[in-house]
């Protein structure tokens, strides 16, 4: 996926209505990239995935994957900042640790991969977030986008 493809995906999710019931879409032939989950007030999409690390986590391999995802993240941050101004950085984990009631989506799912997200407020009551994360050391490093209309933590 190119930067333009990632921006088009974000724009598509921003315009897309939220479904009445939870949806999960896994593109054929791809284990991670392109995965999307949607709920009553959110969308989450894996925009890019590095290789997985089941066959080894050599420092050079992990570093190259981290750099690739970080470069894509920074390019998106620059593009979205030019549209909507500087993002707000939201730290997910501290707010979730003491949470006694269910955490709203997509923050709950995002917190499985990342500890923070960069958030923009483009209007119409919705927000757009980007995050970089990894579920476990053997899994790919992910660039994630989320769209929501729920209040932020």
N, C-alpha and C. Protein backbone atom coordinates (compact mmCIF):
# COMPACT_ATOMS: atom_id res chain seq x y z
N UNK A 1 0.84 -1.18 0.00
CA UNK A 1 0.00 0.00 0.00
C UNK A 1 0.89 1.24 0.00
N UNK A 2 0.57 2.19 -0.84
CA UNK A 2 1.30 3.45 -0.88
C UNK A 2 0.70 4.44 0.11
N UNK A 3 1.36 5.56 0.28
CA UNK A 3 0.83 6.62 1.13
C UNK A 3 -0.56 7.04 0.63
N UNK A 4 -0.70 7.19 -0.67
CA UNK A 4 -1.99 7.58 -1.24
C UNK A 4 -3.07 6.53 -0.94
N UNK A 5 -2.70 5.25 -1.02
CA UNK A 5 -3.64 4.17 -0.70
C UNK A 5 -4.07 4.25 0.77
N UNK A 6 -3.10 4.50 1.65
CA UNK A 6 -3.41 4.58 3.09
C UNK A 6 -4.33 5.77 3.38
N UNK A 7 -4.03 6.90 2.74
CA UNK A 7 -4.90 8.08 2.92
C UNK A 7 -6.30 7.81 2.37
N UNK A 8 -6.38 7.13 1.24
CA UNK A 8 -7.69 6.80 0.67
C UNK A 8 -8.46 5.86 1.60
N UNK A 9 -7.76 4.93 2.23
CA UNK A 9 -8.41 4.04 3.19
C UNK A 9 -8.95 4.81 4.38
N UNK A 10 -8.15 5.73 4.90
CA UNK A 10 -8.60 6.56 6.02
C UNK A 10 -9.81 7.39 5.60
N UNK A 11 -9.76 8.02 4.43
CA UNK A 11 -10.88 8.82 3.94
C UNK A 11 -12.14 7.97 3.77
N UNK A 12 -11.96 6.76 3.26
CA UNK A 12 -13.08 5.85 3.07
C UNK A 12 -13.72 5.47 4.41
N UNK A 13 -12.87 5.16 5.40
CA UNK A 13 -13.40 4.81 6.72
C UNK A 13 -14.06 6.00 7.39
N UNK A 14 -13.51 7.18 7.17
CA UNK A 14 -14.08 8.39 7.76
C UNK A 14 -15.48 8.66 7.21
N UNK A 15 -15.68 8.37 5.93
CA UNK A 15 -16.98 8.60 5.29
C UNK A 15 -17.95 7.44 5.50
N UNK A 16 -17.44 6.28 5.84
CA UNK A 16 -18.25 5.06 5.95
C UNK A 16 -19.14 5.12 7.20
N UNK A 17 -20.40 4.75 7.04
CA UNK A 17 -21.27 4.69 8.23
C UNK A 17 -20.84 3.55 9.15
N UNK A 18 -21.12 3.70 10.42
CA UNK A 18 -20.83 2.62 11.36
C UNK A 18 -21.95 1.58 11.27
N UNK A 19 -21.59 0.30 11.32
CA UNK A 19 -22.61 -0.74 11.20
C UNK A 19 -23.41 -0.89 12.50
N UNK A 20 -24.56 -1.50 12.39
CA UNK A 20 -25.39 -1.76 13.58
C UNK A 20 -24.82 -2.89 14.43
N UNK A 21 -24.17 -3.83 13.75
CA UNK A 21 -23.55 -4.96 14.45
C UNK A 21 -22.09 -5.03 14.08
N UNK A 22 -21.29 -5.62 14.94
CA UNK A 22 -19.86 -5.72 14.71
C UNK A 22 -19.54 -6.47 13.42
N UNK A 23 -18.57 -5.93 12.68
CA UNK A 23 -18.11 -6.57 11.44
C UNK A 23 -16.60 -6.75 11.50
N UNK A 24 -16.12 -7.84 10.95
CA UNK A 24 -14.68 -8.07 10.81
C UNK A 24 -14.43 -8.53 9.38
N UNK A 25 -13.47 -7.90 8.71
CA UNK A 25 -13.14 -8.23 7.33
C UNK A 25 -11.66 -8.57 7.25
N UNK A 26 -11.36 -9.74 6.73
CA UNK A 26 -9.99 -10.18 6.53
C UNK A 26 -9.78 -10.40 5.04
N UNK A 27 -8.96 -9.57 4.38
CA UNK A 27 -8.74 -9.75 2.94
C UNK A 27 -8.13 -11.12 2.63
N UNK A 28 -8.57 -11.72 1.57
CA UNK A 28 -8.08 -13.04 1.18
C UNK A 28 -6.58 -12.98 0.90
N UNK A 29 -5.87 -13.97 1.40
CA UNK A 29 -4.44 -14.09 1.12
C UNK A 29 -3.54 -13.21 1.95
N UNK A 30 -4.10 -12.42 2.84
CA UNK A 30 -3.29 -11.54 3.68
C UNK A 30 -3.62 -11.82 5.14
N UNK A 31 -2.59 -12.10 5.90
CA UNK A 31 -2.81 -12.44 7.30
C UNK A 31 -3.14 -11.20 8.14
N UNK A 32 -2.55 -10.06 7.84
CA UNK A 32 -2.71 -8.89 8.69
C UNK A 32 -3.15 -7.64 7.93
N UNK A 33 -2.39 -7.26 6.92
CA UNK A 33 -2.64 -6.00 6.23
C UNK A 33 -4.01 -6.00 5.58
N UNK A 34 -4.75 -4.92 5.82
CA UNK A 34 -6.08 -4.79 5.27
C UNK A 34 -7.19 -5.29 6.18
N UNK A 35 -6.83 -5.95 7.29
CA UNK A 35 -7.84 -6.38 8.26
C UNK A 35 -8.61 -5.15 8.74
N UNK A 36 -9.92 -5.31 8.90
CA UNK A 36 -10.75 -4.21 9.39
C UNK A 36 -11.79 -4.74 10.34
N UNK A 37 -11.99 -4.02 11.42
CA UNK A 37 -13.11 -4.32 12.31
C UNK A 37 -13.91 -3.03 12.47
N UNK A 38 -15.22 -3.18 12.53
CA UNK A 38 -16.10 -2.03 12.67
C UNK A 38 -17.17 -2.37 13.70
N UNK A 39 -17.57 -1.35 14.41
CA UNK A 39 -18.63 -1.51 15.40
C UNK A 39 -19.59 -0.34 15.31
N UNK A 40 -20.46 -0.23 16.31
CA UNK A 40 -21.52 0.77 16.27
C UNK A 40 -21.00 2.20 16.22
N UNK A 41 -19.77 2.43 16.70
CA UNK A 41 -19.23 3.79 16.69
C UNK A 41 -17.74 3.83 16.36
N UNK A 42 -17.26 2.83 15.62
CA UNK A 42 -15.83 2.83 15.33
C UNK A 42 -15.48 1.94 14.14
N UNK A 43 -14.33 2.26 13.55
CA UNK A 43 -13.67 1.42 12.55
C UNK A 43 -12.21 1.33 12.95
N UNK A 44 -11.60 0.18 12.71
CA UNK A 44 -10.17 -0.01 12.93
C UNK A 44 -9.63 -0.77 11.74
N UNK A 45 -8.47 -0.37 11.22
CA UNK A 45 -7.90 -1.02 10.05
C UNK A 45 -6.39 -1.14 10.21
N UNK A 46 -5.84 -2.27 9.80
CA UNK A 46 -4.39 -2.46 9.75
C UNK A 46 -3.92 -1.97 8.39
N UNK A 47 -3.27 -0.82 8.36
CA UNK A 47 -2.84 -0.21 7.10
C UNK A 47 -1.57 -0.84 6.55
N UNK A 48 -0.71 -1.32 7.43
CA UNK A 48 0.54 -1.93 7.00
C UNK A 48 1.00 -2.89 8.08
N UNK A 49 1.61 -3.98 7.64
CA UNK A 49 2.15 -4.97 8.56
C UNK A 49 3.54 -5.36 8.10
N UNK A 50 4.46 -5.43 9.04
CA UNK A 50 5.81 -5.91 8.72
C UNK A 50 5.75 -7.43 8.59
N UNK A 51 6.86 -8.02 8.33
CA UNK A 51 6.94 -9.48 8.37
C UNK A 51 6.69 -9.95 9.79
N UNK A 52 6.36 -11.20 9.97
CA UNK A 52 6.27 -11.72 11.33
C UNK A 52 7.66 -12.18 11.76
N UNK A 53 7.79 -12.57 13.02
CA UNK A 53 9.10 -12.90 13.57
C UNK A 53 9.13 -14.30 14.17
N UNK A 54 8.33 -15.21 13.61
CA UNK A 54 8.30 -16.59 14.10
C UNK A 54 9.62 -17.30 13.85
N UNK A 55 10.29 -16.95 12.77
CA UNK A 55 11.55 -17.62 12.43
C UNK A 55 12.77 -16.94 13.03
N UNK A 56 12.57 -15.93 13.83
CA UNK A 56 13.69 -15.27 14.48
C UNK A 56 13.47 -13.80 14.65
N UNK A 57 14.06 -13.28 15.70
CA UNK A 57 13.96 -11.86 16.02
C UNK A 57 15.34 -11.22 16.05
N UNK A 58 16.13 -11.49 15.04
CA UNK A 58 17.44 -10.86 14.97
C UNK A 58 17.31 -9.36 15.02
N UNK A 59 18.24 -8.72 15.71
CA UNK A 59 18.17 -7.27 15.91
C UNK A 59 18.06 -6.52 14.59
N UNK A 60 18.82 -6.93 13.58
CA UNK A 60 18.78 -6.23 12.30
C UNK A 60 17.44 -6.41 11.60
N UNK A 61 16.83 -7.58 11.73
CA UNK A 61 15.53 -7.84 11.11
C UNK A 61 14.45 -7.00 11.77
N UNK A 62 14.43 -7.00 13.09
CA UNK A 62 13.43 -6.23 13.83
C UNK A 62 13.61 -4.74 13.59
N UNK A 63 14.86 -4.28 13.62
CA UNK A 63 15.14 -2.87 13.40
C UNK A 63 14.67 -2.40 12.02
N UNK A 64 14.91 -3.22 11.00
CA UNK A 64 14.46 -2.87 9.64
C UNK A 64 12.93 -2.78 9.58
N UNK A 65 12.25 -3.72 10.24
CA UNK A 65 10.78 -3.71 10.24
C UNK A 65 10.26 -2.49 11.00
N UNK A 66 10.86 -2.18 12.13
CA UNK A 66 10.45 -1.00 12.91
C UNK A 66 10.64 0.27 12.10
N UNK A 67 11.75 0.36 11.39
CA UNK A 67 12.04 1.55 10.58
C UNK A 67 11.04 1.70 9.43
N UNK A 68 10.70 0.59 8.80
CA UNK A 68 9.74 0.61 7.69
C UNK A 68 8.38 1.13 8.16
N UNK A 69 7.90 0.61 9.29
CA UNK A 69 6.60 1.03 9.81
C UNK A 69 6.67 2.47 10.32
N UNK A 70 7.76 2.84 10.98
CA UNK A 70 7.91 4.21 11.48
C UNK A 70 7.91 5.22 10.33
N UNK A 71 8.55 4.88 9.23
CA UNK A 71 8.58 5.77 8.06
C UNK A 71 7.17 5.96 7.50
N UNK A 72 6.40 4.89 7.40
CA UNK A 72 5.02 4.98 6.91
C UNK A 72 4.16 5.78 7.88
N UNK A 73 4.36 5.57 9.18
CA UNK A 73 3.62 6.31 10.21
C UNK A 73 3.91 7.81 10.09
N UNK A 74 5.17 8.17 10.01
CA UNK A 74 5.55 9.59 9.93
C UNK A 74 4.99 10.26 8.67
N UNK A 75 5.00 9.54 7.56
CA UNK A 75 4.43 10.09 6.32
C UNK A 75 2.94 10.37 6.50
N UNK A 76 2.22 9.47 7.14
CA UNK A 76 0.80 9.69 7.39
C UNK A 76 0.56 10.81 8.38
N UNK A 77 1.37 10.87 9.43
CA UNK A 77 1.24 11.95 10.40
C UNK A 77 1.41 13.30 9.70
N UNK A 78 2.40 13.40 8.84
CA UNK A 78 2.65 14.64 8.11
C UNK A 78 1.44 15.00 7.24
N UNK A 79 0.92 14.03 6.52
CA UNK A 79 -0.23 14.28 5.64
C UNK A 79 -1.48 14.68 6.42
N UNK A 80 -1.76 13.97 7.50
CA UNK A 80 -2.96 14.27 8.28
C UNK A 80 -2.81 15.58 9.05
N UNK A 81 -1.60 15.88 9.50
CA UNK A 81 -1.36 17.15 10.19
C UNK A 81 -1.56 18.32 9.24
N UNK A 82 -1.18 18.15 7.98
CA UNK A 82 -1.39 19.24 7.02
C UNK A 82 -2.89 19.46 6.77
N UNK A 83 -3.68 18.44 6.94
CA UNK A 83 -5.13 18.57 6.77
C UNK A 83 -5.81 19.17 7.99
N UNK A 84 -5.47 18.62 9.19
CA UNK A 84 -6.27 18.88 10.39
C UNK A 84 -5.49 19.47 11.57
N UNK A 85 -4.24 19.82 11.37
CA UNK A 85 -3.45 20.39 12.46
C UNK A 85 -2.74 19.31 13.27
N UNK A 86 -2.03 19.75 14.29
CA UNK A 86 -1.24 18.83 15.11
C UNK A 86 -2.15 17.85 15.86
N UNK A 87 -1.71 16.59 15.95
CA UNK A 87 -2.52 15.60 16.66
C UNK A 87 -2.38 15.70 18.17
N UNK A 88 -3.38 15.19 18.83
CA UNK A 88 -3.34 14.99 20.27
C UNK A 88 -2.81 13.57 20.49
N UNK A 89 -1.86 13.39 21.39
CA UNK A 89 -1.36 12.05 21.70
C UNK A 89 -2.12 11.53 22.92
N UNK A 90 -2.78 10.40 22.76
CA UNK A 90 -3.58 9.80 23.83
C UNK A 90 -2.88 8.54 24.30
N UNK A 91 -2.57 8.50 25.59
CA UNK A 91 -1.95 7.34 26.22
C UNK A 91 -3.06 6.37 26.62
N UNK A 92 -3.10 5.20 26.01
CA UNK A 92 -4.20 4.26 26.22
C UNK A 92 -4.09 3.46 27.52
N UNK A 93 -2.95 2.95 27.84
CA UNK A 93 -2.84 1.99 28.92
C UNK A 93 -3.14 2.52 30.32
N UNK A 94 -2.64 3.67 30.74
CA UNK A 94 -2.96 4.10 32.11
C UNK A 94 -4.46 4.23 32.35
N UNK A 95 -5.18 4.73 31.38
CA UNK A 95 -6.62 4.90 31.55
C UNK A 95 -7.36 3.56 31.57
N UNK A 96 -6.79 2.55 30.94
CA UNK A 96 -7.45 1.25 30.87
C UNK A 96 -7.19 0.40 32.10
N UNK A 97 -6.07 0.62 32.78
CA UNK A 97 -5.68 -0.23 33.91
C UNK A 97 -6.71 -0.25 35.02
N UNK A 98 -7.25 0.90 35.38
CA UNK A 98 -8.20 0.95 36.48
C UNK A 98 -9.64 0.97 36.02
N UNK A 99 -9.88 0.74 34.79
CA UNK A 99 -11.22 0.83 34.21
C UNK A 99 -12.10 -0.31 34.71
N UNK A 100 -13.23 0.02 35.33
CA UNK A 100 -14.13 -1.02 35.82
C UNK A 100 -15.26 -1.30 34.84
N UNK A 101 -15.60 -0.32 34.01
CA UNK A 101 -16.64 -0.55 33.01
C UNK A 101 -15.98 -0.89 31.68
N UNK A 102 -16.73 -1.46 30.75
CA UNK A 102 -16.14 -1.82 29.46
C UNK A 102 -15.54 -0.60 28.75
N UNK A 103 -14.37 -0.80 28.16
CA UNK A 103 -13.69 0.26 27.42
C UNK A 103 -14.29 0.30 26.02
N UNK A 104 -14.66 1.49 25.53
CA UNK A 104 -15.29 1.57 24.20
C UNK A 104 -14.30 1.22 23.09
N UNK A 105 -14.85 0.73 22.00
CA UNK A 105 -14.06 0.50 20.80
C UNK A 105 -13.92 1.82 20.07
N UNK A 106 -12.87 2.06 19.39
CA UNK A 106 -11.79 1.14 19.08
C UNK A 106 -10.64 1.16 20.09
N UNK A 107 -10.77 1.96 21.17
CA UNK A 107 -9.67 2.03 22.14
C UNK A 107 -9.35 0.67 22.75
N UNK A 108 -10.36 -0.13 23.01
CA UNK A 108 -10.12 -1.45 23.57
C UNK A 108 -9.26 -2.30 22.64
N UNK A 109 -9.62 -2.37 21.37
CA UNK A 109 -8.85 -3.17 20.43
C UNK A 109 -7.47 -2.55 20.17
N UNK A 110 -7.40 -1.23 20.06
CA UNK A 110 -6.11 -0.56 19.86
C UNK A 110 -5.15 -0.87 21.01
N UNK A 111 -5.68 -0.93 22.23
CA UNK A 111 -4.82 -1.16 23.39
C UNK A 111 -4.20 -2.56 23.40
N UNK A 112 -4.72 -3.46 22.57
CA UNK A 112 -4.11 -4.79 22.44
C UNK A 112 -2.80 -4.74 21.68
N UNK A 113 -2.61 -3.66 20.90
CA UNK A 113 -1.44 -3.53 20.03
C UNK A 113 -0.51 -2.40 20.43
N UNK A 114 -1.05 -1.34 21.00
CA UNK A 114 -0.27 -0.13 21.22
C UNK A 114 -0.66 0.54 22.53
N UNK A 115 0.26 1.32 23.06
CA UNK A 115 0.00 2.06 24.29
C UNK A 115 -0.45 3.49 24.07
N UNK A 116 -0.32 3.98 22.82
CA UNK A 116 -0.75 5.34 22.55
C UNK A 116 -1.22 5.48 21.11
N UNK A 117 -1.98 6.54 20.89
CA UNK A 117 -2.44 6.85 19.55
C UNK A 117 -2.37 8.35 19.34
N UNK A 118 -2.12 8.75 18.11
CA UNK A 118 -2.14 10.16 17.71
C UNK A 118 -3.51 10.42 17.10
N UNK A 119 -4.19 11.48 17.57
CA UNK A 119 -5.59 11.70 17.22
C UNK A 119 -5.80 13.08 16.61
N UNK A 120 -6.57 13.11 15.53
CA UNK A 120 -6.99 14.34 14.87
C UNK A 120 -8.51 14.42 14.94
N UNK A 121 -9.02 15.63 14.90
CA UNK A 121 -10.48 15.86 14.93
C UNK A 121 -10.89 16.58 13.65
N UNK A 122 -11.24 15.81 12.60
CA UNK A 122 -11.57 16.42 11.31
C UNK A 122 -12.96 17.06 11.25
N UNK A 123 -13.77 16.86 12.26
CA UNK A 123 -15.12 17.43 12.26
C UNK A 123 -16.18 16.37 12.16
N UNK A 124 -17.40 16.78 12.11
CA UNK A 124 -18.58 15.91 12.00
C UNK A 124 -18.67 14.95 13.17
N UNK A 125 -18.08 15.30 14.33
CA UNK A 125 -18.19 14.47 15.51
C UNK A 125 -17.31 13.23 15.52
N UNK A 126 -16.46 13.09 14.52
CA UNK A 126 -15.59 11.92 14.44
C UNK A 126 -14.14 12.32 14.70
N UNK A 127 -13.35 11.34 15.07
CA UNK A 127 -11.90 11.53 15.21
C UNK A 127 -11.19 10.43 14.43
N UNK A 128 -9.94 10.72 14.07
CA UNK A 128 -9.08 9.79 13.34
C UNK A 128 -7.83 9.58 14.17
N UNK A 129 -7.43 8.32 14.33
CA UNK A 129 -6.23 8.01 15.12
C UNK A 129 -5.30 7.11 14.33
N UNK A 130 -4.01 7.29 14.58
CA UNK A 130 -2.97 6.40 14.06
C UNK A 130 -2.21 5.83 15.24
N UNK A 131 -1.79 4.59 15.11
CA UNK A 131 -0.97 3.96 16.14
C UNK A 131 -0.04 2.96 15.48
N UNK A 132 1.05 2.68 16.16
CA UNK A 132 1.98 1.63 15.76
C UNK A 132 2.04 0.65 16.92
N UNK A 133 1.98 -0.63 16.63
CA UNK A 133 2.02 -1.59 17.71
C UNK A 133 2.27 -3.00 17.24
N UNK A 134 2.26 -3.89 18.21
CA UNK A 134 2.54 -5.30 17.97
C UNK A 134 1.86 -6.11 19.07
N UNK A 135 1.15 -7.15 18.71
CA UNK A 135 0.42 -7.95 19.69
C UNK A 135 1.36 -8.78 20.56
N UNK A 136 2.36 -9.38 19.97
CA UNK A 136 3.36 -10.21 20.66
C UNK A 136 4.65 -10.13 19.88
N UNK A 137 5.78 -10.46 20.49
CA UNK A 137 7.07 -10.34 19.80
C UNK A 137 7.19 -11.14 18.50
N UNK A 138 6.43 -12.22 18.36
CA UNK A 138 6.51 -13.02 17.14
C UNK A 138 5.64 -12.47 16.02
N UNK A 139 4.69 -11.62 16.35
CA UNK A 139 3.74 -11.09 15.38
C UNK A 139 4.32 -9.88 14.65
N UNK A 140 3.73 -9.51 13.52
CA UNK A 140 4.20 -8.33 12.77
C UNK A 140 4.03 -7.04 13.56
N UNK A 141 4.82 -6.06 13.21
CA UNK A 141 4.62 -4.70 13.71
C UNK A 141 3.58 -4.07 12.79
N UNK A 142 2.60 -3.40 13.38
CA UNK A 142 1.44 -2.91 12.62
C UNK A 142 1.34 -1.39 12.64
N UNK A 143 0.86 -0.86 11.53
CA UNK A 143 0.43 0.53 11.43
C UNK A 143 -1.09 0.48 11.39
N UNK A 144 -1.72 1.07 12.40
CA UNK A 144 -3.17 0.98 12.54
C UNK A 144 -3.82 2.35 12.40
N UNK A 145 -5.00 2.36 11.82
CA UNK A 145 -5.82 3.58 11.75
C UNK A 145 -7.15 3.26 12.41
N UNK A 146 -7.67 4.23 13.14
CA UNK A 146 -8.98 4.06 13.79
C UNK A 146 -9.80 5.32 13.56
N UNK A 147 -11.09 5.11 13.43
CA UNK A 147 -12.06 6.20 13.29
C UNK A 147 -13.08 5.97 14.38
N UNK A 148 -13.42 7.01 15.10
CA UNK A 148 -14.42 6.84 16.15
C UNK A 148 -15.26 8.08 16.33
N UNK A 149 -16.36 7.89 17.05
CA UNK A 149 -17.18 9.03 17.45
C UNK A 149 -17.48 8.97 18.93
N UNK A 150 -16.93 7.96 19.61
CA UNK A 150 -17.08 7.86 21.05
C UNK A 150 -16.15 8.86 21.72
N UNK A 151 -16.45 9.28 22.92
CA UNK A 151 -15.52 10.17 23.63
C UNK A 151 -14.19 9.45 23.84
N UNK A 152 -13.11 10.19 23.77
CA UNK A 152 -11.80 9.62 24.03
C UNK A 152 -11.61 9.42 25.52
N UNK A 153 -10.75 8.49 25.89
CA UNK A 153 -10.47 8.23 27.29
C UNK A 153 -9.86 9.45 27.95
